[in-house]
């Protein structure tokens, strides 16, 4: 019997890739329209809800995240659906090293504390919830991901922008891979606990590693330039996104990667995309059209 997934935030990074992955796996895909749809009504008959909704530009997290969470929990309770949410590493605070489901959650930022509270609400709700926790998102469609917004923003000038320490190991999440893993977990949800925290290992590399790979493709020198955090400090009183980005500055000097132990136990047959493909996904097509790896996007109509 065909299963149904409701995608929240279908035009965003998570939602668009989740919709495509579930569609490719043979699921019936519903796309939620936050302007016109009632979430609980839209969830009726759905087996899984993927929550890709987020406040635009990091605005209003303190009020928007709890409101979205309450809506999703209510919709899942009414429909009996399992909820899948993209977790991040804000929960851990400044803890260098290997991050896993057993790492203490000691956030020191406002956004990190909000994420901890959000996950606690799901855990206490009685709704089956899968947190698929990942590092920096890489979207091959360049949908406001870390590559397009920060790292590759000046690649046409031969520059890669780093946020702190160019030699610090960083965890990355290639979104087509995350979406495929979400489908696989959804299809085995009856064997999972009521609340599952699943680290998504993804890929890990330094800015220096990235520079070397990009340089090998472009065949031209590529420089590593530090992001102008002083500008974010100056703009913070007037631009909300500048303030929110500045709060997460510590991540770019914190060497870290995500444990694969639990993920490999649950999904032993999962095949991640090639590391080189992932590292080159941020390249604009006009920089090197043959090597700028992209996935084709499908247009999935709402029911």
C-alpha atoms as a PDB file:
ATOM      1  CA  UNK A   1       0.000   0.000   0.000  1.00  0.00           C
ATOM      2  CA  UNK A   2       1.348   3.409  -0.974  1.00  0.00           C
ATOM      3  CA  UNK A   3       2.345   5.569   1.987  1.00  0.00           C
ATOM      4  CA  UNK A   4       1.820   9.319   2.290  1.00  0.00           C
ATOM      5  CA  UNK A   5       4.202  12.015   3.498  1.00  0.00           C
ATOM      6  CA  UNK A   6       3.314  15.617   4.303  1.00  0.00           C
ATOM      7  CA  UNK A   7       6.190  18.004   3.591  1.00  0.00           C
ATOM      8  CA  UNK A   8       6.304  21.240   5.591  1.00  0.00           C
ATOM      9  CA  UNK A   9       8.458  23.983   4.124  1.00  0.00           C
ATOM     10  CA  UNK A  10       8.474  22.367   0.690  1.00  0.00           C
ATOM     11  CA  UNK A  11      10.166  25.317  -1.024  1.00  0.00           C
ATOM     12  CA  UNK A  12      13.083  25.336   1.396  1.00  0.00           C
ATOM     13  CA  UNK A  13      16.322  23.376   1.512  1.00  0.00           C
ATOM     14  CA  UNK A  14      15.068  20.459   3.576  1.00  0.00           C
ATOM     15  CA  UNK A  15      11.544  20.304   2.204  1.00  0.00           C
ATOM     16  CA  UNK A  16      12.437  20.379  -1.480  1.00  0.00           C
ATOM     17  CA  UNK A  17      14.953  17.546  -1.222  1.00  0.00           C
ATOM     18  CA  UNK A  18      12.707  15.516   1.079  1.00  0.00           C
ATOM     19  CA  UNK A  19       9.817  15.851  -1.370  1.00  0.00           C
ATOM     20  CA  UNK A  20      11.977  14.592  -4.218  1.00  0.00           C
ATOM     21  CA  UNK A  21      13.420  11.687  -2.222  1.00  0.00           C
ATOM     22  CA  UNK A  22      10.037  10.461  -0.978  1.00  0.00           C
ATOM     23  CA  UNK A  23       8.595  10.852  -4.488  1.00  0.00           C
ATOM     24  CA  UNK A  24      11.451   8.811  -5.944  1.00  0.00           C
ATOM     25  CA  UNK A  25      10.825   6.120  -3.314  1.00  0.00           C
ATOM     26  CA  UNK A  26       7.198   5.745  -4.418  1.00  0.00           C
ATOM     27  CA  UNK A  27       5.483   7.693  -1.660  1.00  0.00           C
ATOM     28  CA  UNK A  28       2.474   9.944  -2.184  1.00  0.00           C
ATOM     29  CA  UNK A  29       3.761  13.458  -1.494  1.00  0.00           C
ATOM     30  CA  UNK A  30       1.675  16.302  -0.088  1.00  0.00           C
ATOM     31  CA  UNK A  31       3.120  19.798   0.016  1.00  0.00           C
ATOM     32  CA  UNK A  32       1.880  22.019   2.834  1.00  0.00           C
ATOM     33  CA  UNK A  33       1.044  25.625   1.985  1.00  0.00           C
ATOM     34  CA  UNK A  34       1.400  27.643   5.181  1.00  0.00           C
ATOM     35  CA  UNK A  35      -0.604  30.537   3.703  1.00  0.00           C
ATOM     36  CA  UNK A  36      -3.736  28.563   2.828  1.00  0.00           C
ATOM     37  CA  UNK A  37      -3.646  25.142   4.516  1.00  0.00           C
ATOM     38  CA  UNK A  38      -4.673  24.027   7.972  1.00  0.00           C
ATOM     39  CA  UNK A  39      -1.841  21.790   9.155  1.00  0.00           C
ATOM     40  CA  UNK A  40      -3.967  19.333  11.091  1.00  0.00           C
ATOM     41  CA  UNK A  41      -6.355  18.888   8.186  1.00  0.00           C
ATOM     42  CA  UNK A  42      -3.451  18.517   5.756  1.00  0.00           C
ATOM     43  CA  UNK A  43      -1.915  15.817   7.967  1.00  0.00           C
ATOM     44  CA  UNK A  44      -4.980  13.581   8.062  1.00  0.00           C
ATOM     45  CA  UNK A  45      -4.155  10.335   6.304  1.00  0.00           C
ATOM     46  CA  UNK A  46      -0.422  11.062   6.285  1.00  0.00           C
ATOM     47  CA  UNK A  47       1.947   8.405   7.603  1.00  0.00           C
ATOM     48  CA  UNK A  48       4.901  10.757   8.046  1.00  0.00           C
ATOM     49  CA  UNK A  49       5.368  14.520   8.443  1.00  0.00           C
ATOM     50  CA  UNK A  50       8.727  16.031   7.483  1.00  0.00           C
ATOM     51  CA  UNK A  51       9.113  19.355   9.243  1.00  0.00           C
ATOM     52  CA  UNK A  52      11.262  21.554   7.034  1.00  0.00           C
ATOM     53  CA  UNK A  53       9.695  24.800   8.258  1.00  0.00           C
ATOM     54  CA  UNK A  54      11.935  27.478   9.717  1.00  0.00           C
ATOM     55  CA  UNK A  55      11.588  31.210  10.321  1.00  0.00           C
ATOM     56  CA  UNK A  56      12.932  33.071   7.294  1.00  0.00           C
ATOM     57  CA  UNK A  57      16.300  34.733   7.861  1.00  0.00           C
ATOM     58  CA  UNK A  58      16.552  33.333  11.399  1.00  0.00           C
ATOM     59  CA  UNK A  59      13.954  35.882  12.488  1.00  0.00           C
ATOM     60  CA  UNK A  60      11.793  35.394  15.563  1.00  0.00           C
ATOM     61  CA  UNK A  61      13.135  32.005  16.652  1.00  0.00           C
ATOM     62  CA  UNK A  62      12.050  32.480  20.258  1.00  0.00           C
ATOM     63  CA  UNK A  63       8.376  32.704  19.284  1.00  0.00           C
ATOM     64  CA  UNK A  64       8.232  31.062  15.855  1.00  0.00           C
ATOM     65  CA  UNK A  65       9.930  27.749  16.728  1.00  0.00           C
ATOM     66  CA  UNK A  66       7.638  26.934  19.695  1.00  0.00           C
ATOM     67  CA  UNK A  67       4.595  27.918  17.612  1.00  0.00           C
ATOM     68  CA  UNK A  68       5.625  25.671  14.702  1.00  0.00           C
ATOM     69  CA  UNK A  69       6.449  22.859  17.112  1.00  0.00           C
ATOM     70  CA  UNK A  70       3.013  23.040  18.765  1.00  0.00           C
ATOM     71  CA  UNK A  71       1.319  22.998  15.352  1.00  0.00           C
ATOM     72  CA  UNK A  72       3.281  19.972  14.174  1.00  0.00           C
ATOM     73  CA  UNK A  73       2.685  18.035  17.390  1.00  0.00           C
ATOM     74  CA  UNK A  74      -1.053  18.744  17.194  1.00  0.00           C
ATOM     75  CA  UNK A  75      -1.156  17.626  13.560  1.00  0.00           C
ATOM     76  CA  UNK A  76       0.807  14.450  14.312  1.00  0.00           C
ATOM     77  CA  UNK A  77      -1.395  13.568  17.284  1.00  0.00           C
ATOM     78  CA  UNK A  78      -4.554  14.020  15.220  1.00  0.00           C
ATOM     79  CA  UNK A  79      -3.267  11.982  12.273  1.00  0.00           C
ATOM     80  CA  UNK A  80      -1.063   9.444  14.025  1.00  0.00           C
ATOM     81  CA  UNK A  81       1.849  10.423  11.779  1.00  0.00           C
ATOM     82  CA  UNK A  82       5.533  10.062  12.608  1.00  0.00           C
ATOM     83  CA  UNK A  83       7.470  13.351  12.555  1.00  0.00           C
ATOM     84  CA  UNK A  84      10.945  13.684  11.042  1.00  0.00           C
ATOM     85  CA  UNK A  85      12.873  16.855  11.838  1.00  0.00           C
ATOM     86  CA  UNK A  86      16.331  18.017  10.749  1.00  0.00           C
ATOM     87  CA  UNK A  87      18.385  18.370  13.898  1.00  0.00           C
ATOM     88  CA  UNK A  88      21.580  20.395  14.083  1.00  0.00           C
ATOM     89  CA  UNK A  89      24.590  20.679  16.363  1.00  0.00           C
ATOM     90  CA  UNK A  90      23.574  23.943  18.049  1.00  0.00           C
ATOM     91  CA  UNK A  91      22.355  21.773  20.952  1.00  0.00           C
ATOM     92  CA  UNK A  92      25.891  20.793  21.926  1.00  0.00           C
ATOM     93  CA  UNK A  93      27.394  24.229  22.381  1.00  0.00           C
ATOM     94  CA  UNK A  94      31.156  24.568  22.078  1.00  0.00           C
ATOM     95  CA  UNK A  95      32.260  20.933  22.344  1.00  0.00           C
ATOM     96  CA  UNK A  96      35.038  20.078  19.882  1.00  0.00           C
ATOM     97  CA  UNK A  97      35.493  16.499  18.721  1.00  0.00           C
ATOM     98  CA  UNK A  98      33.171  13.637  17.866  1.00  0.00           C
ATOM     99  CA  UNK A  99      29.479  14.448  18.348  1.00  0.00           C
ATOM    100  CA  UNK A 100      26.915  11.702  18.890  1.00  0.00           C
ATOM    101  CA  UNK A 101      23.514  10.995  20.411  1.00  0.00           C
ATOM    102  CA  UNK A 102      25.239  10.599  23.802  1.00  0.00           C
ATOM    103  CA  UNK A 103      27.085  13.946  23.692  1.00  0.00           C
ATOM    104  CA  UNK A 104      25.777  16.205  26.500  1.00  0.00           C
ATOM    105  CA  UNK A 105      23.534  18.953  25.207  1.00  0.00           C
ATOM    106  CA  UNK A 106      24.958  22.098  26.773  1.00  0.00           C
ATOM    107  CA  UNK A 107      24.028  24.966  24.459  1.00  0.00           C
ATOM    108  CA  UNK A 108      25.401  28.400  25.209  1.00  0.00           C
ATOM    109  CA  UNK A 109      23.607  30.301  22.442  1.00  0.00           C
ATOM    110  CA  UNK A 110      20.007  31.436  22.324  1.00  0.00           C
ATOM    111  CA  UNK A 111      19.281  29.366  19.207  1.00  0.00           C
ATOM    112  CA  UNK A 112      20.883  26.294  20.743  1.00  0.00           C
ATOM    113  CA  UNK A 113      18.696  26.559  23.851  1.00  0.00           C
ATOM    114  CA  UNK A 114      15.587  26.967  21.680  1.00  0.00           C
ATOM    115  CA  UNK A 115      16.488  23.831  19.723  1.00  0.00           C
ATOM    116  CA  UNK A 116      16.942  21.834  22.946  1.00  0.00           C
ATOM    117  CA  UNK A 117      13.536  23.015  24.176  1.00  0.00           C
ATOM    118  CA  UNK A 118      11.964  22.162  20.814  1.00  0.00           C
ATOM    119  CA  UNK A 119      13.277  18.605  20.853  1.00  0.00           C
ATOM    120  CA  UNK A 120      12.209  18.175  24.480  1.00  0.00           C
ATOM    121  CA  UNK A 121       8.663  19.165  23.472  1.00  0.00           C
ATOM    122  CA  UNK A 122       8.601  16.445  20.817  1.00  0.00           C
ATOM    123  CA  UNK A 123      10.045  13.879  23.232  1.00  0.00           C
ATOM    124  CA  UNK A 124       7.366  14.669  25.825  1.00  0.00           C
ATOM    125  CA  UNK A 125       4.494  14.763  23.323  1.00  0.00           C
ATOM    126  CA  UNK A 126       3.977  11.052  22.782  1.00  0.00           C
ATOM    127  CA  UNK A 127       4.349  11.596  19.031  1.00  0.00           C
ATOM    128  CA  UNK A 128       6.877   9.335  17.350  1.00  0.00           C
ATOM    129  CA  UNK A 129       9.713  11.664  16.381  1.00  0.00           C
ATOM    130  CA  UNK A 130      12.932  11.058  14.457  1.00  0.00           C
ATOM    131  CA  UNK A 131      15.605  13.739  14.784  1.00  0.00           C
ATOM    132  CA  UNK A 132      18.068  13.293  11.921  1.00  0.00           C
ATOM    133  CA  UNK A 133      20.901  15.483  13.220  1.00  0.00           C
ATOM    134  CA  UNK A 134      23.409  16.926  10.787  1.00  0.00           C
ATOM    135  CA  UNK A 135      26.118  19.511  10.241  1.00  0.00           C
ATOM    136  CA  UNK A 136      26.255  22.407   7.779  1.00  0.00           C
ATOM    137  CA  UNK A 137      23.785  21.940   4.936  1.00  0.00           C
ATOM    138  CA  UNK A 138      25.082  21.761   1.366  1.00  0.00           C
ATOM    139  CA  UNK A 139      22.349  22.215  -1.225  1.00  0.00           C
ATOM    140  CA  UNK A 140      23.395  21.496  -4.836  1.00  0.00           C
ATOM    141  CA  UNK A 141      20.626  23.910  -5.906  1.00  0.00           C
ATOM    142  CA  UNK A 142      22.277  26.700  -3.858  1.00  0.00           C
ATOM    143  CA  UNK A 143      19.093  27.454  -1.933  1.00  0.00           C
ATOM    144  CA  UNK A 144      20.569  29.798   0.704  1.00  0.00           C
ATOM    145  CA  UNK A 145      22.878  27.120   2.065  1.00  0.00           C
ATOM    146  CA  UNK A 146      26.216  27.700   3.781  1.00  0.00           C
ATOM    147  CA  UNK A 147      28.150  27.205   0.555  1.00  0.00           C
ATOM    148  CA  UNK A 148      26.281  29.820  -1.458  1.00  0.00           C
ATOM    149  CA  UNK A 149      25.786  32.302   1.395  1.00  0.00           C
ATOM    150  CA  UNK A 150      29.298  32.256   2.857  1.00  0.00           C
ATOM    151  CA  UNK A 151      31.922  29.819   1.611  1.00  0.00           C
ATOM    152  CA  UNK A 152      31.658  30.210  -2.182  1.00  0.00           C
ATOM    153  CA  UNK A 153      30.335  33.754  -2.266  1.00  0.00           C
ATOM    154  CA  UNK A 154      33.542  35.068  -3.882  1.00  0.00           C
ATOM    155  CA  UNK A 155      34.729  31.967  -5.712  1.00  0.00           C
ATOM    156  CA  UNK A 156      34.470  33.783  -9.047  1.00  0.00           C
ATOM    157  CA  UNK A 157      37.275  36.007  -7.720  1.00  0.00           C
ATOM    158  CA  UNK A 158      39.324  32.967  -6.726  1.00  0.00           C
ATOM    159  CA  UNK A 159      38.436  33.200  -3.038  1.00  0.00           C
ATOM    160  CA  UNK A 160      36.950  30.742  -0.540  1.00  0.00           C
ATOM    161  CA  UNK A 161      35.603  32.416   2.583  1.00  0.00           C
ATOM    162  CA  UNK A 162      36.160  30.688   5.918  1.00  0.00           C
ATOM    163  CA  UNK A 163      34.454  31.611   9.157  1.00  0.00           C
ATOM    164  CA  UNK A 164      37.350  31.126  11.537  1.00  0.00           C
ATOM    165  CA  UNK A 165      40.010  28.408  11.490  1.00  0.00           C
ATOM    166  CA  UNK A 166      40.679  27.097   7.947  1.00  0.00           C
ATOM    167  CA  UNK A 167      42.225  23.931   9.401  1.00  0.00           C
ATOM    168  CA  UNK A 168      39.335  23.078  11.725  1.00  0.00           C
ATOM    169  CA  UNK A 169      37.428  19.933  10.727  1.00  0.00           C
ATOM    170  CA  UNK A 170      33.774  20.766  10.004  1.00  0.00           C
ATOM    171  CA  UNK A 171      30.725  18.513   9.590  1.00  0.00           C
ATOM    172  CA  UNK A 172      28.670  18.890   6.412  1.00  0.00           C
ATOM    173  CA  UNK A 173      25.364  17.463   5.272  1.00  0.00           C
ATOM    174  CA  UNK A 174      24.699  16.962   1.563  1.00  0.00           C
ATOM    175  CA  UNK A 175      20.943  17.438   1.450  1.00  0.00           C
ATOM    176  CA  UNK A 176      20.088  14.813  -1.194  1.00  0.00           C
ATOM    177  CA  UNK A 177      21.815  12.273   1.087  1.00  0.00           C
ATOM    178  CA  UNK A 178      19.965  13.522   4.178  1.00  0.00           C
ATOM    179  CA  UNK A 179      16.651  13.197   2.340  1.00  0.00           C
ATOM    180  CA  UNK A 180      17.373   9.633   1.210  1.00  0.00           C
ATOM    181  CA  UNK A 181      18.271   8.701   4.781  1.00  0.00           C
ATOM    182  CA  UNK A 182      15.021  10.282   6.010  1.00  0.00           C
ATOM    183  CA  UNK A 183      13.053   8.063   3.622  1.00  0.00           C
ATOM    184  CA  UNK A 184      14.887   4.956   4.805  1.00  0.00           C
ATOM    185  CA  UNK A 185      14.199   5.792   8.457  1.00  0.00           C
ATOM    186  CA  UNK A 186      10.548   6.527   7.650  1.00  0.00           C
ATOM    187  CA  UNK A 187      10.195   3.112   6.071  1.00  0.00           C
ATOM    188  CA  UNK A 188      11.547   1.389   9.190  1.00  0.00           C
ATOM    189  CA  UNK A 189       9.779   3.620  11.700  1.00  0.00           C
ATOM    190  CA  UNK A 190       7.804   0.769  13.282  1.00  0.00           C
ATOM    191  CA  UNK A 191      11.090  -0.667  14.564  1.00  0.00           C
ATOM    192  CA  UNK A 192      12.264   2.619  16.086  1.00  0.00           C
ATOM    193  CA  UNK A 193      11.702   4.142  19.513  1.00  0.00           C
ATOM    194  CA  UNK A 194       9.093   6.806  20.211  1.00  0.00           C
ATOM    195  CA  UNK A 195      11.881   9.412  20.172  1.00  0.00           C
ATOM    196  CA  UNK A 196      14.985   8.685  18.099  1.00  0.00           C
ATOM    197  CA  UNK A 197      18.029  10.946  17.970  1.00  0.00           C
ATOM    198  CA  UNK A 198      19.940   9.792  14.888  1.00  0.00           C
ATOM    199  CA  UNK A 199      23.261  11.514  14.097  1.00  0.00           C
ATOM    200  CA  UNK A 200      23.793  11.913  10.347  1.00  0.00           C
ATOM    201  CA  UNK A 201      27.560  11.537   9.756  1.00  0.00           C
ATOM    202  CA  UNK A 202      27.560  13.114   6.311  1.00  0.00           C
ATOM    203  CA  UNK A 203      31.034  14.331   5.353  1.00  0.00           C
ATOM    204  CA  UNK A 204      33.746  16.201   7.218  1.00  0.00           C
ATOM    205  CA  UNK A 205      36.546  18.324   5.794  1.00  0.00           C
ATOM    206  CA  UNK A 206      38.467  21.527   6.447  1.00  0.00           C
ATOM    207  CA  UNK A 207      38.382  24.730   4.437  1.00  0.00           C
ATOM    208  CA  UNK A 208      41.950  23.952   3.434  1.00  0.00           C
ATOM    209  CA  UNK A 209      40.809  20.561   2.088  1.00  0.00           C
ATOM    210  CA  UNK A 210      38.033  22.295   0.173  1.00  0.00           C
ATOM    211  CA  UNK A 211      40.468  24.838  -1.274  1.00  0.00           C
ATOM    212  CA  UNK A 212      42.724  22.057  -2.572  1.00  0.00           C
ATOM    213  CA  UNK A 213      39.859  20.208  -4.292  1.00  0.00           C
ATOM    214  CA  UNK A 214      38.380  23.334  -5.854  1.00  0.00           C
ATOM    215  CA  UNK A 215      41.824  24.461  -6.990  1.00  0.00           C
ATOM    216  CA  UNK A 216      42.384  21.120  -8.718  1.00  0.00           C
ATOM    217  CA  UNK A 217      39.188  21.643 -10.712  1.00  0.00           C
ATOM    218  CA  UNK A 218      39.509  25.309 -11.603  1.00  0.00           C
ATOM    219  CA  UNK A 219      43.230  24.960 -12.361  1.00  0.00           C
ATOM    220  CA  UNK A 220      43.734  28.449 -10.919  1.00  0.00           C
ATOM    221  CA  UNK A 221      45.003  29.571  -7.521  1.00  0.00           C
ATOM    222  CA  UNK A 222      42.319  29.817  -4.834  1.00  0.00           C
ATOM    223  CA  UNK A 223      42.855  31.906  -1.702  1.00  0.00           C
ATOM    224  CA  UNK A 224      41.351  31.390   1.732  1.00  0.00           C
ATOM    225  CA  UNK A 225      39.868  34.641   3.045  1.00  0.00           C
ATOM    226  CA  UNK A 226      38.483  35.209   6.544  1.00  0.00           C
ATOM    227  CA  UNK A 227      34.839  36.228   6.798  1.00  0.00           C
ATOM    228  CA  UNK A 228      34.488  39.866   7.940  1.00  0.00           C
ATOM    229  CA  UNK A 229      32.835  39.256  11.296  1.00  0.00           C
ATOM    230  CA  UNK A 230      33.487  42.876  12.257  1.00  0.00           C
ATOM    231  CA  UNK A 231      30.929  43.831   9.628  1.00  0.00           C
ATOM    232  CA  UNK A 232      28.323  41.538  11.211  1.00  0.00           C
ATOM    233  CA  UNK A 233      29.015  43.178  14.567  1.00  0.00           C
ATOM    234  CA  UNK A 234      28.526  46.636  13.080  1.00  0.00           C
ATOM    235  CA  UNK A 235      25.321  45.626  11.287  1.00  0.00           C
ATOM    236  CA  UNK A 236      23.787  43.630  14.151  1.00  0.00           C
ATOM    237  CA  UNK A 237      21.747  46.520  15.606  1.00  0.00           C
ATOM    238  CA  UNK A 238      20.116  47.129  12.225  1.00  0.00           C
ATOM    239  CA  UNK A 239      20.038  43.698  10.516  1.00  0.00           C
ATOM    240  CA  UNK A 240      18.595  40.695  12.348  1.00  0.00           C
ATOM    241  CA  UNK A 241      20.389  38.121  10.188  1.00  0.00           C
ATOM    242  CA  UNK A 242      23.777  39.683  11.022  1.00  0.00           C
ATOM    243  CA  UNK A 243      23.081  39.273  14.741  1.00  0.00           C
ATOM    244  CA  UNK A 244      21.935  35.671  14.309  1.00  0.00           C
ATOM    245  CA  UNK A 245      24.945  34.704  12.199  1.00  0.00           C
ATOM    246  CA  UNK A 246      27.369  36.302  14.636  1.00  0.00           C
ATOM    247  CA  UNK A 247      25.978  34.193  17.473  1.00  0.00           C
ATOM    248  CA  UNK A 248      27.104  31.020  15.670  1.00  0.00           C
ATOM    249  CA  UNK A 249      30.635  32.247  14.918  1.00  0.00           C
ATOM    250  CA  UNK A 250      32.160  29.777  17.366  1.00  0.00           C
ATOM    251  CA  UNK A 251      31.217  26.833  15.134  1.00  0.00           C
ATOM    252  CA  UNK A 252      33.801  27.820  12.520  1.00  0.00           C
ATOM    253  CA  UNK A 253      36.691  27.506  14.940  1.00  0.00           C
ATOM    254  CA  UNK A 254      35.354  24.375  16.664  1.00  0.00           C
ATOM    255  CA  UNK A 255      36.824  21.239  15.063  1.00  0.00           C
ATOM    256  CA  UNK A 256      34.125  18.588  14.998  1.00  0.00           C
ATOM    257  CA  UNK A 257      32.613  15.699  13.103  1.00  0.00           C
ATOM    258  CA  UNK A 258      29.528  13.547  13.636  1.00  0.00           C
ATOM    259  CA  UNK A 259      29.587   9.943  14.753  1.00  0.00           C
ATOM    260  CA  UNK A 260      28.499   7.289  12.261  1.00  0.00           C
ATOM    261  CA  UNK A 261      28.026   4.489  14.802  1.00  0.00           C
ATOM    262  CA  UNK A 262      24.258   4.634  15.335  1.00  0.00           C
ATOM    263  CA  UNK A 263      23.530   5.669  11.748  1.00  0.00           C
ATOM    264  CA  UNK A 264      25.500   2.736  10.325  1.00  0.00           C
ATOM    265  CA  UNK A 265      23.751   0.339  12.706  1.00  0.00           C
ATOM    266  CA  UNK A 266      20.299   1.534  11.619  1.00  0.00           C
ATOM    267  CA  UNK A 267      21.097   1.982   7.914  1.00  0.00           C
ATOM    268  CA  UNK A 268      23.997  -0.346   7.101  1.00  0.00           C
ATOM    269  CA  UNK A 269      23.279  -0.239   3.364  1.00  0.00           C
ATOM    270  CA  UNK A 270      23.190   3.543   3.023  1.00  0.00           C
ATOM    271  CA  UNK A 271      25.610   4.803   0.367  1.00  0.00           C
ATOM    272  CA  UNK A 272      26.669   8.420   0.779  1.00  0.00           C
ATOM    273  CA  UNK A 273      27.492  10.601  -2.207  1.00  0.00           C
ATOM    274  CA  UNK A 274      31.133  10.836  -3.230  1.00  0.00           C
ATOM    275  CA  UNK A 275      33.135  13.293  -1.123  1.00  0.00           C
ATOM    276  CA  UNK A 276      34.499  15.102  -4.154  1.00  0.00           C
ATOM    277  CA  UNK A 277      30.993  15.584  -5.542  1.00  0.00           C
ATOM    278  CA  UNK A 278      29.856  17.025  -2.228  1.00  0.00           C
ATOM    279  CA  UNK A 279      32.810  19.392  -1.977  1.00  0.00           C
ATOM    280  CA  UNK A 280      32.259  20.676  -5.516  1.00  0.00           C
ATOM    281  CA  UNK A 281      28.495  21.067  -5.148  1.00  0.00           C
ATOM    282  CA  UNK A 282      28.932  24.677  -4.073  1.00  0.00           C
ATOM    283  CA  UNK A 283      30.673  25.702  -7.282  1.00  0.00           C
ATOM    284  CA  UNK A 284      28.563  27.941  -9.519  1.00  0.00           C
ATOM    285  CA  UNK A 285      28.108  26.457 -12.987  1.00  0.00           C
ATOM    286  CA  UNK A 286      29.840  29.425 -14.620  1.00  0.00           C
ATOM    287  CA  UNK A 287      33.019  28.753 -12.636  1.00  0.00           C
ATOM    288  CA  UNK A 288      33.390  25.215 -13.959  1.00  0.00           C
ATOM    289  CA  UNK A 289      30.220  23.886 -15.590  1.00  0.00           C
ATOM    290  CA  UNK A 290      31.559  20.351 -16.113  1.00  0.00           C
ATOM    291  CA  UNK A 291      32.494  19.853 -12.472  1.00  0.00           C
ATOM    292  CA  UNK A 292      29.773  21.821 -10.677  1.00  0.00           C
ATOM    293  CA  UNK A 293      27.805  18.777  -9.571  1.00  0.00           C
ATOM    294  CA  UNK A 294      24.060  19.219  -9.425  1.00  0.00           C
ATOM    295  CA  UNK A 295      21.083  16.955  -8.958  1.00  0.00           C
ATOM    296  CA  UNK A 296      18.049  17.315 -11.162  1.00  0.00           C
ATOM    297  CA  UNK A 297      15.001  18.705  -9.399  1.00  0.00           C
ATOM    298  CA  UNK A 298      11.505  17.355  -9.887  1.00  0.00           C
ATOM    299  CA  UNK A 299       8.342  19.379  -9.824  1.00  0.00           C
ATOM    300  CA  UNK A 300       5.963  17.661  -7.444  1.00  0.00           C
ATOM    301  CA  UNK A 301       2.397  18.884  -7.464  1.00  0.00           C
ATOM    302  CA  UNK A 302       0.458  19.216  -4.250  1.00  0.00           C
ATOM    303  CA  UNK A 303      -2.547  16.970  -3.910  1.00  0.00           C
END
